[in-house]
Protein backbone atom coordinates (compact mmCIF):
# COMPACT_ATOMS: atom_id res chain seq x y z
CA UNK A 1 0.00 0.00 0.00
CA UNK A 2 2.73 2.49 0.87
CA UNK A 3 4.25 2.32 -2.63
CA UNK A 4 0.86 2.89 -4.25
CA UNK A 5 -0.01 5.74 -1.86
CA UNK A 6 3.39 7.36 -2.37
CA UNK A 7 3.01 7.20 -6.15
CA UNK A 8 -0.73 7.70 -6.60
CA UNK A 9 -0.26 11.08 -8.27
CA UNK A 10 1.92 9.54 -10.99
CA UNK A 11 -0.34 6.51 -11.29
CA UNK A 12 -3.32 8.81 -11.80
CA UNK A 13 -1.45 11.02 -14.28
CA UNK A 14 -0.37 8.06 -16.41
CA UNK A 15 -3.84 6.47 -16.16
CA UNK A 16 -5.45 9.79 -17.06
CA UNK A 17 -3.18 10.39 -20.04
CA UNK A 18 -3.78 6.87 -21.37
CA UNK A 19 -7.52 7.18 -20.84
CA UNK A 20 -7.62 10.56 -22.58
CA UNK A 21 -6.28 8.97 -25.74
CA UNK A 22 -9.86 7.82 -26.37
CA UNK A 23 -10.57 11.36 -27.55
CA UNK A 24 -9.65 9.65 -30.82
CA UNK A 25 -13.12 8.05 -30.78
CA UNK A 26 -14.73 11.49 -30.68
CA UNK A 27 -12.66 12.67 -33.63
CA UNK A 28 -12.59 9.55 -35.80
CA UNK A 29 -15.22 7.12 -34.49
CA UNK A 30 -14.94 4.44 -37.17
CA UNK A 31 -11.14 4.37 -37.07
CA UNK A 32 -11.15 4.24 -33.26
CA UNK A 33 -13.52 1.28 -33.23
CA UNK A 34 -11.44 -0.56 -35.83
CA UNK A 35 -8.21 -0.01 -33.87
CA UNK A 36 -9.79 -0.88 -30.51
CA UNK A 37 -12.04 -3.78 -31.48
CA UNK A 38 -11.14 -4.71 -35.05
CA UNK A 39 -14.66 -3.92 -36.20
CA UNK A 40 -16.70 -0.80 -36.85
CA UNK A 41 -20.29 0.28 -36.59
CA UNK A 42 -21.61 2.34 -39.43
CA UNK A 43 -24.24 5.00 -39.87
CA UNK A 44 -25.16 8.28 -38.25
CA UNK A 45 -26.45 6.75 -35.00
CA UNK A 46 -23.26 4.75 -34.53
CA UNK A 47 -21.26 7.92 -35.10
CA UNK A 48 -23.22 9.78 -32.40
CA UNK A 49 -22.92 6.94 -29.88
CA UNK A 50 -19.23 6.31 -30.48
CA UNK A 51 -18.34 10.02 -30.39
CA UNK A 52 -20.24 10.36 -27.11
CA UNK A 53 -18.48 7.26 -25.74
CA UNK A 54 -15.12 8.77 -26.68
CA UNK A 55 -15.93 12.05 -24.95
CA UNK A 56 -17.12 10.29 -21.78
CA UNK A 57 -13.99 8.17 -21.59
CA UNK A 58 -11.86 11.26 -22.19
CA UNK A 59 -13.67 13.04 -19.35
CA UNK A 60 -12.81 10.16 -17.03
CA UNK A 61 -9.18 10.57 -18.08
CA UNK A 62 -9.40 14.30 -17.35
CA UNK A 63 -10.91 13.50 -13.94
CA UNK A 64 -7.94 11.24 -13.18
CA UNK A 65 -5.53 14.04 -14.09
CA UNK A 66 -7.50 16.52 -11.97
CA UNK A 67 -7.63 14.08 -9.05
CA UNK A 68 -3.86 13.60 -9.23
CA UNK A 69 -3.49 17.23 -8.13
CA UNK A 70 -6.51 17.43 -5.79
CA UNK A 71 -6.33 14.73 -3.07
CA UNK A 72 -9.79 15.39 -1.58
CA UNK A 73 -11.50 14.22 -4.80
CA UNK A 74 -9.31 11.15 -5.33
CA UNK A 75 -11.66 8.60 -3.73
CA UNK A 76 -14.58 9.66 -5.94
CA UNK A 77 -12.45 9.93 -9.09
CA UNK A 78 -10.78 6.55 -8.52
CA UNK A 79 -14.13 4.91 -7.78
CA UNK A 80 -15.75 6.30 -10.95
CA UNK A 81 -12.72 5.54 -13.15
CA UNK A 82 -12.27 2.08 -11.64
CA UNK A 83 -15.95 1.24 -12.11
CA UNK A 84 -15.82 2.36 -15.73
CA UNK A 85 -12.73 0.24 -16.35
CA UNK A 86 -14.25 -2.82 -14.64
CA UNK A 87 -17.34 -2.52 -16.86
CA UNK A 88 -15.15 -2.27 -19.97
CA UNK A 89 -13.10 -5.29 -18.89
CA UNK A 90 -16.26 -7.29 -18.15
CA UNK A 91 -17.91 -6.42 -21.44
CA UNK A 92 -14.84 -7.36 -23.48
CA UNK A 93 -14.33 -10.61 -21.59
CA UNK A 94 -18.03 -11.45 -21.89
CA UNK A 95 -17.44 -11.88 -25.63
CA UNK A 96 -14.71 -14.45 -25.04
CA UNK A 97 -11.68 -14.06 -27.27
CA UNK A 98 -13.51 -12.21 -30.02
CA UNK A 99 -12.09 -8.77 -29.15
CA UNK A 100 -9.03 -9.71 -27.13
CA UNK A 101 -6.75 -9.65 -30.16
CA UNK A 102 -7.40 -5.93 -30.52
CA UNK A 103 -8.51 -4.82 -27.04
CA UNK A 104 -6.31 -7.19 -25.03
CA UNK A 105 -3.63 -4.62 -24.25
CA UNK A 106 -6.26 -2.11 -23.09
CA UNK A 107 -7.89 -4.79 -20.94
CA UNK A 108 -4.55 -5.78 -19.39
CA UNK A 109 -3.63 -2.16 -18.62
CA UNK A 110 -7.08 -1.53 -17.14
CA UNK A 111 -6.80 -4.64 -14.94
CA UNK A 112 -3.52 -3.30 -13.51
CA UNK A 113 -5.00 0.18 -13.03
CA UNK A 114 -8.12 -1.15 -11.31
CA UNK A 115 -5.92 -3.18 -8.95
CA UNK A 116 -3.81 -0.10 -8.12
CA UNK A 117 -6.92 2.05 -7.60
CA UNK A 118 -8.42 -0.61 -5.32
CA UNK A 119 -5.22 -0.95 -3.28
CA UNK A 120 -5.16 2.82 -2.76
CA UNK A 121 -8.86 3.05 -1.87
CA UNK A 122 -8.74 0.13 0.56
CA UNK A 123 -5.62 1.61 2.13
CA UNK A 124 -7.40 4.94 2.60
CA UNK A 125 -10.35 3.17 4.18
CA UNK A 126 -8.12 1.22 6.54
CA UNK A 127 -6.18 4.38 7.45
CA UNK A 128 -9.43 6.27 8.16
CA UNK A 129 -10.76 3.43 10.31
CA UNK A 130 -7.54 3.37 12.34
CA UNK A 131 -7.66 7.14 12.92
C-alpha atoms as a PDB file:
ATOM      1  CA  UNK A   1       0.000   0.000   0.000  1.00  0.00           C
ATOM      2  CA  UNK A   2       2.725   2.488   0.868  1.00  0.00           C
ATOM      3  CA  UNK A   3       4.250   2.321  -2.629  1.00  0.00           C
ATOM      4  CA  UNK A   4       0.855   2.895  -4.253  1.00  0.00           C
ATOM      5  CA  UNK A   5      -0.011   5.737  -1.857  1.00  0.00           C
ATOM      6  CA  UNK A   6       3.390   7.359  -2.371  1.00  0.00           C
ATOM      7  CA  UNK A   7       3.008   7.202  -6.149  1.00  0.00           C
ATOM      8  CA  UNK A   8      -0.729   7.701  -6.596  1.00  0.00           C
ATOM      9  CA  UNK A   9      -0.258  11.084  -8.265  1.00  0.00           C
ATOM     10  CA  UNK A  10       1.916   9.543 -10.988  1.00  0.00           C
ATOM     11  CA  UNK A  11      -0.336   6.515 -11.286  1.00  0.00           C
ATOM     12  CA  UNK A  12      -3.323   8.807 -11.799  1.00  0.00           C
ATOM     13  CA  UNK A  13      -1.447  11.019 -14.280  1.00  0.00           C
ATOM     14  CA  UNK A  14      -0.373   8.064 -16.406  1.00  0.00           C
ATOM     15  CA  UNK A  15      -3.842   6.473 -16.164  1.00  0.00           C
ATOM     16  CA  UNK A  16      -5.454   9.791 -17.064  1.00  0.00           C
ATOM     17  CA  UNK A  17      -3.178  10.390 -20.042  1.00  0.00           C
ATOM     18  CA  UNK A  18      -3.781   6.869 -21.375  1.00  0.00           C
ATOM     19  CA  UNK A  19      -7.524   7.180 -20.839  1.00  0.00           C
ATOM     20  CA  UNK A  20      -7.622  10.564 -22.578  1.00  0.00           C
ATOM     21  CA  UNK A  21      -6.284   8.967 -25.744  1.00  0.00           C
ATOM     22  CA  UNK A  22      -9.856   7.824 -26.372  1.00  0.00           C
ATOM     23  CA  UNK A  23     -10.571  11.362 -27.554  1.00  0.00           C
ATOM     24  CA  UNK A  24      -9.645   9.650 -30.816  1.00  0.00           C
ATOM     25  CA  UNK A  25     -13.125   8.047 -30.783  1.00  0.00           C
ATOM     26  CA  UNK A  26     -14.726  11.493 -30.678  1.00  0.00           C
ATOM     27  CA  UNK A  27     -12.659  12.672 -33.630  1.00  0.00           C
ATOM     28  CA  UNK A  28     -12.589   9.545 -35.801  1.00  0.00           C
ATOM     29  CA  UNK A  29     -15.218   7.119 -34.490  1.00  0.00           C
ATOM     30  CA  UNK A  30     -14.942   4.443 -37.167  1.00  0.00           C
ATOM     31  CA  UNK A  31     -11.138   4.375 -37.066  1.00  0.00           C
ATOM     32  CA  UNK A  32     -11.154   4.245 -33.260  1.00  0.00           C
ATOM     33  CA  UNK A  33     -13.516   1.276 -33.235  1.00  0.00           C
ATOM     34  CA  UNK A  34     -11.438  -0.559 -35.827  1.00  0.00           C
ATOM     35  CA  UNK A  35      -8.213  -0.010 -33.873  1.00  0.00           C
ATOM     36  CA  UNK A  36      -9.792  -0.876 -30.506  1.00  0.00           C
ATOM     37  CA  UNK A  37     -12.042  -3.783 -31.481  1.00  0.00           C
ATOM     38  CA  UNK A  38     -11.139  -4.707 -35.050  1.00  0.00           C
ATOM     39  CA  UNK A  39     -14.657  -3.916 -36.205  1.00  0.00           C
ATOM     40  CA  UNK A  40     -16.697  -0.801 -36.850  1.00  0.00           C
ATOM     41  CA  UNK A  41     -20.294   0.276 -36.587  1.00  0.00           C
ATOM     42  CA  UNK A  42     -21.614   2.339 -39.432  1.00  0.00           C
ATOM     43  CA  UNK A  43     -24.244   4.996 -39.869  1.00  0.00           C
ATOM     44  CA  UNK A  44     -25.164   8.280 -38.248  1.00  0.00           C
ATOM     45  CA  UNK A  45     -26.453   6.752 -34.996  1.00  0.00           C
ATOM     46  CA  UNK A  46     -23.261   4.754 -34.529  1.00  0.00           C
ATOM     47  CA  UNK A  47     -21.256   7.923 -35.096  1.00  0.00           C
ATOM     48  CA  UNK A  48     -23.222   9.776 -32.397  1.00  0.00           C
ATOM     49  CA  UNK A  49     -22.924   6.943 -29.881  1.00  0.00           C
ATOM     50  CA  UNK A  50     -19.226   6.309 -30.481  1.00  0.00           C
ATOM     51  CA  UNK A  51     -18.340  10.022 -30.387  1.00  0.00           C
ATOM     52  CA  UNK A  52     -20.237  10.358 -27.110  1.00  0.00           C
ATOM     53  CA  UNK A  53     -18.484   7.257 -25.745  1.00  0.00           C
ATOM     54  CA  UNK A  54     -15.116   8.772 -26.683  1.00  0.00           C
ATOM     55  CA  UNK A  55     -15.929  12.046 -24.946  1.00  0.00           C
ATOM     56  CA  UNK A  56     -17.124  10.289 -21.781  1.00  0.00           C
ATOM     57  CA  UNK A  57     -13.992   8.167 -21.586  1.00  0.00           C
ATOM     58  CA  UNK A  58     -11.856  11.256 -22.186  1.00  0.00           C
ATOM     59  CA  UNK A  59     -13.675  13.041 -19.351  1.00  0.00           C
ATOM     60  CA  UNK A  60     -12.807  10.164 -17.027  1.00  0.00           C
ATOM     61  CA  UNK A  61      -9.176  10.573 -18.075  1.00  0.00           C
ATOM     62  CA  UNK A  62      -9.399  14.298 -17.348  1.00  0.00           C
ATOM     63  CA  UNK A  63     -10.908  13.498 -13.940  1.00  0.00           C
ATOM     64  CA  UNK A  64      -7.941  11.238 -13.183  1.00  0.00           C
ATOM     65  CA  UNK A  65      -5.532  14.036 -14.088  1.00  0.00           C
ATOM     66  CA  UNK A  66      -7.503  16.523 -11.970  1.00  0.00           C
ATOM     67  CA  UNK A  67      -7.631  14.080  -9.053  1.00  0.00           C
ATOM     68  CA  UNK A  68      -3.864  13.598  -9.234  1.00  0.00           C
ATOM     69  CA  UNK A  69      -3.494  17.231  -8.131  1.00  0.00           C
ATOM     70  CA  UNK A  70      -6.514  17.427  -5.789  1.00  0.00           C
ATOM     71  CA  UNK A  71      -6.329  14.727  -3.073  1.00  0.00           C
ATOM     72  CA  UNK A  72      -9.792  15.390  -1.580  1.00  0.00           C
ATOM     73  CA  UNK A  73     -11.503  14.216  -4.803  1.00  0.00           C
ATOM     74  CA  UNK A  74      -9.311  11.146  -5.331  1.00  0.00           C
ATOM     75  CA  UNK A  75     -11.658   8.600  -3.730  1.00  0.00           C
ATOM     76  CA  UNK A  76     -14.575   9.662  -5.940  1.00  0.00           C
ATOM     77  CA  UNK A  77     -12.453   9.930  -9.085  1.00  0.00           C
ATOM     78  CA  UNK A  78     -10.781   6.554  -8.525  1.00  0.00           C
ATOM     79  CA  UNK A  79     -14.130   4.915  -7.782  1.00  0.00           C
ATOM     80  CA  UNK A  80     -15.750   6.296 -10.952  1.00  0.00           C
ATOM     81  CA  UNK A  81     -12.721   5.541 -13.148  1.00  0.00           C
ATOM     82  CA  UNK A  82     -12.273   2.079 -11.637  1.00  0.00           C
ATOM     83  CA  UNK A  83     -15.952   1.244 -12.108  1.00  0.00           C
ATOM     84  CA  UNK A  84     -15.815   2.358 -15.731  1.00  0.00           C
ATOM     85  CA  UNK A  85     -12.726   0.244 -16.350  1.00  0.00           C
ATOM     86  CA  UNK A  86     -14.246  -2.819 -14.642  1.00  0.00           C
ATOM     87  CA  UNK A  87     -17.337  -2.520 -16.856  1.00  0.00           C
ATOM     88  CA  UNK A  88     -15.147  -2.265 -19.975  1.00  0.00           C
ATOM     89  CA  UNK A  89     -13.103  -5.294 -18.895  1.00  0.00           C
ATOM     90  CA  UNK A  90     -16.258  -7.289 -18.148  1.00  0.00           C
ATOM     91  CA  UNK A  91     -17.910  -6.421 -21.439  1.00  0.00           C
ATOM     92  CA  UNK A  92     -14.843  -7.356 -23.479  1.00  0.00           C
ATOM     93  CA  UNK A  93     -14.331 -10.612 -21.585  1.00  0.00           C
ATOM     94  CA  UNK A  94     -18.032 -11.451 -21.891  1.00  0.00           C
ATOM     95  CA  UNK A  95     -17.438 -11.879 -25.625  1.00  0.00           C
ATOM     96  CA  UNK A  96     -14.710 -14.448 -25.045  1.00  0.00           C
ATOM     97  CA  UNK A  97     -11.683 -14.058 -27.266  1.00  0.00           C
ATOM     98  CA  UNK A  98     -13.511 -12.206 -30.024  1.00  0.00           C
ATOM     99  CA  UNK A  99     -12.093  -8.768 -29.152  1.00  0.00           C
ATOM    100  CA  UNK A 100      -9.028  -9.706 -27.129  1.00  0.00           C
ATOM    101  CA  UNK A 101      -6.746  -9.651 -30.163  1.00  0.00           C
ATOM    102  CA  UNK A 102      -7.399  -5.931 -30.516  1.00  0.00           C
ATOM    103  CA  UNK A 103      -8.513  -4.823 -27.037  1.00  0.00           C
ATOM    104  CA  UNK A 104      -6.312  -7.193 -25.025  1.00  0.00           C
ATOM    105  CA  UNK A 105      -3.633  -4.616 -24.246  1.00  0.00           C
ATOM    106  CA  UNK A 106      -6.259  -2.106 -23.089  1.00  0.00           C
ATOM    107  CA  UNK A 107      -7.895  -4.788 -20.938  1.00  0.00           C
ATOM    108  CA  UNK A 108      -4.547  -5.778 -19.386  1.00  0.00           C
ATOM    109  CA  UNK A 109      -3.629  -2.157 -18.616  1.00  0.00           C
ATOM    110  CA  UNK A 110      -7.084  -1.532 -17.145  1.00  0.00           C
ATOM    111  CA  UNK A 111      -6.796  -4.638 -14.936  1.00  0.00           C
ATOM    112  CA  UNK A 112      -3.525  -3.296 -13.510  1.00  0.00           C
ATOM    113  CA  UNK A 113      -4.998   0.185 -13.028  1.00  0.00           C
ATOM    114  CA  UNK A 114      -8.124  -1.155 -11.312  1.00  0.00           C
ATOM    115  CA  UNK A 115      -5.918  -3.178  -8.951  1.00  0.00           C
ATOM    116  CA  UNK A 116      -3.806  -0.099  -8.121  1.00  0.00           C
ATOM    117  CA  UNK A 117      -6.917   2.051  -7.600  1.00  0.00           C
ATOM    118  CA  UNK A 118      -8.425  -0.610  -5.317  1.00  0.00           C
ATOM    119  CA  UNK A 119      -5.219  -0.948  -3.275  1.00  0.00           C
ATOM    120  CA  UNK A 120      -5.158   2.822  -2.764  1.00  0.00           C
ATOM    121  CA  UNK A 121      -8.859   3.050  -1.866  1.00  0.00           C
ATOM    122  CA  UNK A 122      -8.744   0.131   0.565  1.00  0.00           C
ATOM    123  CA  UNK A 123      -5.618   1.612   2.131  1.00  0.00           C
ATOM    124  CA  UNK A 124      -7.398   4.936   2.599  1.00  0.00           C
ATOM    125  CA  UNK A 125     -10.346   3.174   4.183  1.00  0.00           C
ATOM    126  CA  UNK A 126      -8.116   1.216   6.539  1.00  0.00           C
ATOM    127  CA  UNK A 127      -6.182   4.377   7.447  1.00  0.00           C
ATOM    128  CA  UNK A 128      -9.431   6.269   8.156  1.00  0.00           C
ATOM    129  CA  UNK A 129     -10.756   3.428  10.310  1.00  0.00           C
ATOM    130  CA  UNK A 130      -7.542   3.372  12.343  1.00  0.00           C
ATOM    131  CA  UNK A 131      -7.664   7.142  12.925  1.00  0.00           C
END
